[in-house]
Amino acid sequence: MRVPPDDTSCQIIAETAPIVSDFAFCFRCFNYEIDYDIDTVYTKHCLFIEQLQNRILNLLLNRQHYIGIEEDGHGIITWF
């Protein structure tokens, strides 16, 4: 995916995440030819993960949760 999900998709994902007990959303790239700047793509996806985290946290103000961002910033994992 060259472009991360848009704001509408981000909101839908954030609203859906608390419905399940465990939720993960990660971007991966494995063994295929890349004809675009992967660093720019990963930077955009990391920003999306931060935005998704903020939206999920805003929805969970009064609910116990655990949230983790992968070290490389390409994934988010939550437990409710």
C-alpha atoms as a PDB file:
ATOM      1  CA  MET A   1       0.000   0.000   0.000  1.00  0.00           C
ATOM      2  CA  ARG A   2       1.713   3.169  -1.155  1.00  0.00           C
ATOM      3  CA  VAL A   3      -0.649   5.522   0.649  1.00  0.00           C
ATOM      4  CA  PRO A   4      -1.963   4.905   4.176  1.00  0.00           C
ATOM      5  CA  PRO A   5      -5.706   4.882   4.845  1.00  0.00           C
ATOM      6  CA  ASP A   6      -7.408   8.273   4.745  1.00  0.00           C
ATOM      7  CA  ASP A   7      -8.997  10.132   7.689  1.00  0.00           C
ATOM      8  CA  THR A   8     -12.398   8.513   7.196  1.00  0.00           C
ATOM      9  CA  SER A   9     -10.879   5.028   7.165  1.00  0.00           C
ATOM     10  CA  CYS A  10      -8.764   5.903  10.203  1.00  0.00           C
ATOM     11  CA  GLN A  11     -11.895   6.906  12.137  1.00  0.00           C
ATOM     12  CA  ILE A  12     -13.710   3.715  11.116  1.00  0.00           C
ATOM     13  CA  ILE A  13     -10.736   1.592  12.204  1.00  0.00           C
ATOM     14  CA  ALA A  14     -10.483   3.479  15.519  1.00  0.00           C
ATOM     15  CA  GLU A  15     -14.197   2.974  16.226  1.00  0.00           C
ATOM     16  CA  THR A  16     -14.011  -0.719  15.329  1.00  0.00           C
ATOM     17  CA  ALA A  17     -10.901  -1.522  17.400  1.00  0.00           C
ATOM     18  CA  PRO A  18     -12.582  -1.352  20.845  1.00  0.00           C
ATOM     19  CA  ILE A  19     -15.288  -3.781  19.716  1.00  0.00           C
ATOM     20  CA  VAL A  20     -12.790  -6.661  19.659  1.00  0.00           C
ATOM     21  CA  SER A  21     -10.700  -7.859  22.606  1.00  0.00           C
ATOM     22  CA  ASP A  22      -7.356  -7.772  20.769  1.00  0.00           C
ATOM     23  CA  PHE A  23      -6.579  -5.561  17.819  1.00  0.00           C
ATOM     24  CA  ALA A  24      -3.471  -5.132  15.653  1.00  0.00           C
ATOM     25  CA  PHE A  25      -2.879  -3.025  12.575  1.00  0.00           C
ATOM     26  CA  CYS A  26       0.560  -3.378  10.974  1.00  0.00           C
ATOM     27  CA  PHE A  27       2.237  -2.493   7.705  1.00  0.00           C
ATOM     28  CA  ARG A  28       4.743  -4.936   6.225  1.00  0.00           C
ATOM     29  CA  CYS A  29       6.854  -5.212   3.086  1.00  0.00           C
ATOM     30  CA  PHE A  30       8.259  -8.599   2.083  1.00  0.00           C
ATOM     31  CA  ASN A  31      10.331  -9.720  -0.892  1.00  0.00           C
ATOM     32  CA  TYR A  32       8.873  -7.943  -3.863  1.00  0.00           C
ATOM     33  CA  GLU A  33      10.144  -5.307  -6.229  1.00  0.00           C
ATOM     34  CA  ILE A  34       9.459  -1.788  -5.102  1.00  0.00           C
ATOM     35  CA  ASP A  35       9.169   0.896  -7.752  1.00  0.00           C
ATOM     36  CA  TYR A  36       8.683   3.793  -5.321  1.00  0.00           C
ATOM     37  CA  ASP A  37      10.443   5.453  -2.384  1.00  0.00           C
ATOM     38  CA  ILE A  38       9.882   3.023   0.492  1.00  0.00           C
ATOM     39  CA  ASP A  39      11.235   5.457   3.105  1.00  0.00           C
ATOM     40  CA  THR A  40       8.572   8.029   2.239  1.00  0.00           C
ATOM     41  CA  VAL A  41       5.881   5.347   2.315  1.00  0.00           C
ATOM     42  CA  TYR A  42       6.983   4.086   5.740  1.00  0.00           C
ATOM     43  CA  THR A  43       7.129   7.644   7.087  1.00  0.00           C
ATOM     44  CA  LYS A  44       3.521   8.240   5.987  1.00  0.00           C
ATOM     45  CA  HIS A  45       2.431   4.931   7.482  1.00  0.00           C
ATOM     46  CA  CYS A  46       4.149   5.707  10.804  1.00  0.00           C
ATOM     47  CA  LEU A  47       2.255   8.996  10.941  1.00  0.00           C
ATOM     48  CA  PHE A  48      -0.976   7.105  10.257  1.00  0.00           C
ATOM     49  CA  ILE A  49      -0.221   4.700  13.136  1.00  0.00           C
ATOM     50  CA  GLU A  50       0.264   7.693  15.469  1.00  0.00           C
ATOM     51  CA  GLN A  51      -3.018   9.202  14.287  1.00  0.00           C
ATOM     52  CA  LEU A  52      -4.794   5.873  14.793  1.00  0.00           C
ATOM     53  CA  GLN A  53      -3.349   5.558  18.298  1.00  0.00           C
ATOM     54  CA  ASN A  54      -4.577   9.046  19.221  1.00  0.00           C
ATOM     55  CA  ARG A  55      -8.065   8.354  17.908  1.00  0.00           C
ATOM     56  CA  ILE A  56      -8.300   5.044  19.763  1.00  0.00           C
ATOM     57  CA  LEU A  57      -7.082   6.652  22.998  1.00  0.00           C
ATOM     58  CA  ASN A  58      -9.670   9.426  22.657  1.00  0.00           C
ATOM     59  CA  LEU A  59     -12.410   6.807  22.397  1.00  0.00           C
ATOM     60  CA  LEU A  60     -11.159   4.893  25.454  1.00  0.00           C
ATOM     61  CA  LEU A  61     -10.941   7.645  28.057  1.00  0.00           C
ATOM     62  CA  ASN A  62     -12.978   5.712  30.653  1.00  0.00           C
ATOM     63  CA  ARG A  63     -12.011   2.167  29.720  1.00  0.00           C
ATOM     64  CA  GLN A  64      -8.994   0.100  30.767  1.00  0.00           C
ATOM     65  CA  HIS A  65      -6.764  -0.703  27.842  1.00  0.00           C
ATOM     66  CA  TYR A  66      -3.223  -1.511  26.870  1.00  0.00           C
ATOM     67  CA  ILE A  67      -1.714  -0.080  23.738  1.00  0.00           C
ATOM     68  CA  GLY A  68       1.675  -0.584  22.149  1.00  0.00           C
ATOM     69  CA  ILE A  69       3.404   0.837  19.128  1.00  0.00           C
ATOM     70  CA  GLU A  70       6.030  -1.342  17.461  1.00  0.00           C
ATOM     71  CA  GLU A  71       9.612  -0.082  17.764  1.00  0.00           C
ATOM     72  CA  ASP A  72       9.800   0.722  14.068  1.00  0.00           C
ATOM     73  CA  GLY A  73       6.472   2.578  14.259  1.00  0.00           C
ATOM     74  CA  HIS A  74       4.835   0.423  11.589  1.00  0.00           C
ATOM     75  CA  GLY A  75       2.283  -1.279  13.803  1.00  0.00           C
ATOM     76  CA  ILE A  76      -0.096  -0.774  16.695  1.00  0.00           C
ATOM     77  CA  ILE A  77      -1.390  -3.460  19.054  1.00  0.00           C
ATOM     78  CA  THR A  78      -4.157  -2.960  21.618  1.00  0.00           C
ATOM     79  CA  TRP A  79      -5.804  -5.118  24.271  1.00  0.00           C
ATOM     80  CA  PHE A  80      -9.128  -4.275  25.884  1.00  0.00           C
END
